[in-house]
Amino acid sequence: MGRSVPPWRTRADAELNALMPFHRALSPNERVLLDQLFNDVRQRRSAGGMLPAHNTWQPVVLSMLIGLMKRLDDLSNRVAALEEMANDD
């Protein structure tokens, strides 16, 4: 039996590939940032595939936001650890 909708991984990769002209128009520093967002999507392919939605952008954006939140949380933890070290002195 065939699928009515291609797998999410295929659709997500197609969406990311469609953004390549935008990617090329960015400065080199901004390209690195966009590449990080793209990697956030790729790292969460399994989770994205769990949504039955036909809208590819919902799991793509959620994956990017989760990646951003993870980096923000990591930075917050580092700042807290540094503040604690400074207070111990």
C-alpha atoms as a PDB file:
ATOM      1  CA  MET A   1       0.000   0.000   0.000  1.00  0.00           C
ATOM      2  CA  GLY A   2       1.415   3.389  -0.997  1.00  0.00           C
ATOM      3  CA  ARG A   3       1.748   6.451   1.138  1.00  0.00           C
ATOM      4  CA  SER A   4      -0.444   9.469   0.489  1.00  0.00           C
ATOM      5  CA  VAL A   5       2.176  11.762   2.040  1.00  0.00           C
ATOM      6  CA  PRO A   6       5.935  11.320   1.652  1.00  0.00           C
ATOM      7  CA  PRO A   7       7.868  10.590   4.859  1.00  0.00           C
ATOM      8  CA  TRP A   8       8.520  13.602   7.056  1.00  0.00           C
ATOM      9  CA  ARG A   9      12.265  13.290   6.640  1.00  0.00           C
ATOM     10  CA  THR A  10      11.925  13.635   2.867  1.00  0.00           C
ATOM     11  CA  ARG A  11       9.578  16.610   3.198  1.00  0.00           C
ATOM     12  CA  ALA A  12      11.785  18.318   5.799  1.00  0.00           C
ATOM     13  CA  ASP A  13      14.906  17.852   3.662  1.00  0.00           C
ATOM     14  CA  ALA A  14      13.037  19.304   0.677  1.00  0.00           C
ATOM     15  CA  GLU A  15      12.016  22.352   2.732  1.00  0.00           C
ATOM     16  CA  LEU A  16      15.574  22.892   3.965  1.00  0.00           C
ATOM     17  CA  ASN A  17      16.921  22.526   0.419  1.00  0.00           C
ATOM     18  CA  ALA A  18      14.384  25.094  -0.790  1.00  0.00           C
ATOM     19  CA  LEU A  19      15.975  27.570   1.632  1.00  0.00           C
ATOM     20  CA  MET A  20      19.422  27.302   0.041  1.00  0.00           C
ATOM     21  CA  PRO A  21      19.066  30.507  -2.057  1.00  0.00           C
ATOM     22  CA  PHE A  22      18.279  32.338   1.201  1.00  0.00           C
ATOM     23  CA  HIS A  23      21.236  30.573   2.842  1.00  0.00           C
ATOM     24  CA  ARG A  24      23.604  31.699   0.076  1.00  0.00           C
ATOM     25  CA  ALA A  25      22.412  35.314   0.406  1.00  0.00           C
ATOM     26  CA  LEU A  26      23.388  35.477   4.082  1.00  0.00           C
ATOM     27  CA  SER A  27      26.723  36.645   5.413  1.00  0.00           C
ATOM     28  CA  PRO A  28      29.156  33.852   6.303  1.00  0.00           C
ATOM     29  CA  ASN A  29      28.495  34.328  10.035  1.00  0.00           C
ATOM     30  CA  GLU A  30      24.739  34.124   9.498  1.00  0.00           C
ATOM     31  CA  ARG A  31      25.130  31.003   7.332  1.00  0.00           C
ATOM     32  CA  VAL A  32      26.757  29.255  10.276  1.00  0.00           C
ATOM     33  CA  LEU A  33      23.772  30.174  12.442  1.00  0.00           C
ATOM     34  CA  LEU A  34      21.274  28.941   9.863  1.00  0.00           C
ATOM     35  CA  ASP A  35      23.280  25.728   9.503  1.00  0.00           C
ATOM     36  CA  GLN A  36      22.885  25.211  13.257  1.00  0.00           C
ATOM     37  CA  LEU A  37      19.118  25.579  12.894  1.00  0.00           C
ATOM     38  CA  PHE A  38      19.138  23.112   9.996  1.00  0.00           C
ATOM     39  CA  ASN A  39      21.074  20.658  12.175  1.00  0.00           C
ATOM     40  CA  ASP A  40      18.482  21.089  14.932  1.00  0.00           C
ATOM     41  CA  VAL A  41      15.858  19.871  12.463  1.00  0.00           C
ATOM     42  CA  ARG A  42      18.002  16.935  11.359  1.00  0.00           C
ATOM     43  CA  GLN A  43      18.691  15.902  14.967  1.00  0.00           C
ATOM     44  CA  ARG A  44      14.972  15.729  15.696  1.00  0.00           C
ATOM     45  CA  ARG A  45      13.843  13.812  12.620  1.00  0.00           C
ATOM     46  CA  SER A  46      12.335  11.015  14.677  1.00  0.00           C
ATOM     47  CA  ALA A  47      10.234  13.431  16.706  1.00  0.00           C
ATOM     48  CA  GLY A  48       9.134  15.329  13.606  1.00  0.00           C
ATOM     49  CA  GLY A  49       7.979  12.124  11.988  1.00  0.00           C
ATOM     50  CA  MET A  50       5.620  11.480  14.898  1.00  0.00           C
ATOM     51  CA  LEU A  51       3.355  14.334  13.837  1.00  0.00           C
ATOM     52  CA  PRO A  52       0.827  13.221  11.239  1.00  0.00           C
ATOM     53  CA  ALA A  53       0.366  16.772   9.981  1.00  0.00           C
ATOM     54  CA  HIS A  54       0.713  17.558   6.309  1.00  0.00           C
ATOM     55  CA  ASN A  55       2.298  20.860   7.323  1.00  0.00           C
ATOM     56  CA  THR A  56       6.050  20.315   7.264  1.00  0.00           C
ATOM     57  CA  TRP A  57       6.849  23.672   8.806  1.00  0.00           C
ATOM     58  CA  GLN A  58       5.329  22.946  12.212  1.00  0.00           C
ATOM     59  CA  PRO A  59       7.838  20.253  13.206  1.00  0.00           C
ATOM     60  CA  VAL A  60      10.644  22.114  11.405  1.00  0.00           C
ATOM     61  CA  VAL A  61      10.069  25.284  13.419  1.00  0.00           C
ATOM     62  CA  LEU A  62       9.486  23.354  16.643  1.00  0.00           C
ATOM     63  CA  SER A  63      12.769  21.499  16.121  1.00  0.00           C
ATOM     64  CA  MET A  64      14.581  24.792  15.572  1.00  0.00           C
ATOM     65  CA  LEU A  65      12.985  26.339  18.659  1.00  0.00           C
ATOM     66  CA  ILE A  66      13.893  23.340  20.814  1.00  0.00           C
ATOM     67  CA  GLY A  67      17.482  23.598  19.590  1.00  0.00           C
ATOM     68  CA  LEU A  68      17.541  27.293  20.477  1.00  0.00           C
ATOM     69  CA  MET A  69      16.028  26.615  23.885  1.00  0.00           C
ATOM     70  CA  LYS A  70      18.621  23.909  24.534  1.00  0.00           C
ATOM     71  CA  ARG A  71      21.461  26.318  23.735  1.00  0.00           C
ATOM     72  CA  LEU A  72      19.846  29.007  25.896  1.00  0.00           C
ATOM     73  CA  ASP A  73      19.464  26.553  28.774  1.00  0.00           C
ATOM     74  CA  ASP A  74      23.101  25.454  28.418  1.00  0.00           C
ATOM     75  CA  LEU A  75      24.241  29.093  28.515  1.00  0.00           C
ATOM     76  CA  SER A  76      22.027  29.857  31.523  1.00  0.00           C
ATOM     77  CA  ASN A  77      23.524  26.901  33.375  1.00  0.00           C
ATOM     78  CA  ARG A  78      27.036  28.070  32.538  1.00  0.00           C
ATOM     79  CA  VAL A  79      26.289  31.608  33.741  1.00  0.00           C
ATOM     80  CA  ALA A  80      24.809  30.237  36.974  1.00  0.00           C
ATOM     81  CA  ALA A  81      27.886  28.060  37.542  1.00  0.00           C
ATOM     82  CA  LEU A  82      30.199  31.027  36.926  1.00  0.00           C
ATOM     83  CA  GLU A  83      28.176  33.212  39.276  1.00  0.00           C
ATOM     84  CA  GLU A  84      28.346  30.525  41.944  1.00  0.00           C
ATOM     85  CA  MET A  85      32.115  30.254  41.504  1.00  0.00           C
ATOM     86  CA  ALA A  86      32.441  34.053  41.767  1.00  0.00           C
ATOM     87  CA  ASN A  87      30.359  34.102  44.960  1.00  0.00           C
ATOM     88  CA  ASP A  88      32.495  31.355  46.516  1.00  0.00           C
ATOM     89  CA  ASP A  89      35.620  33.528  46.193  1.00  0.00           C
END
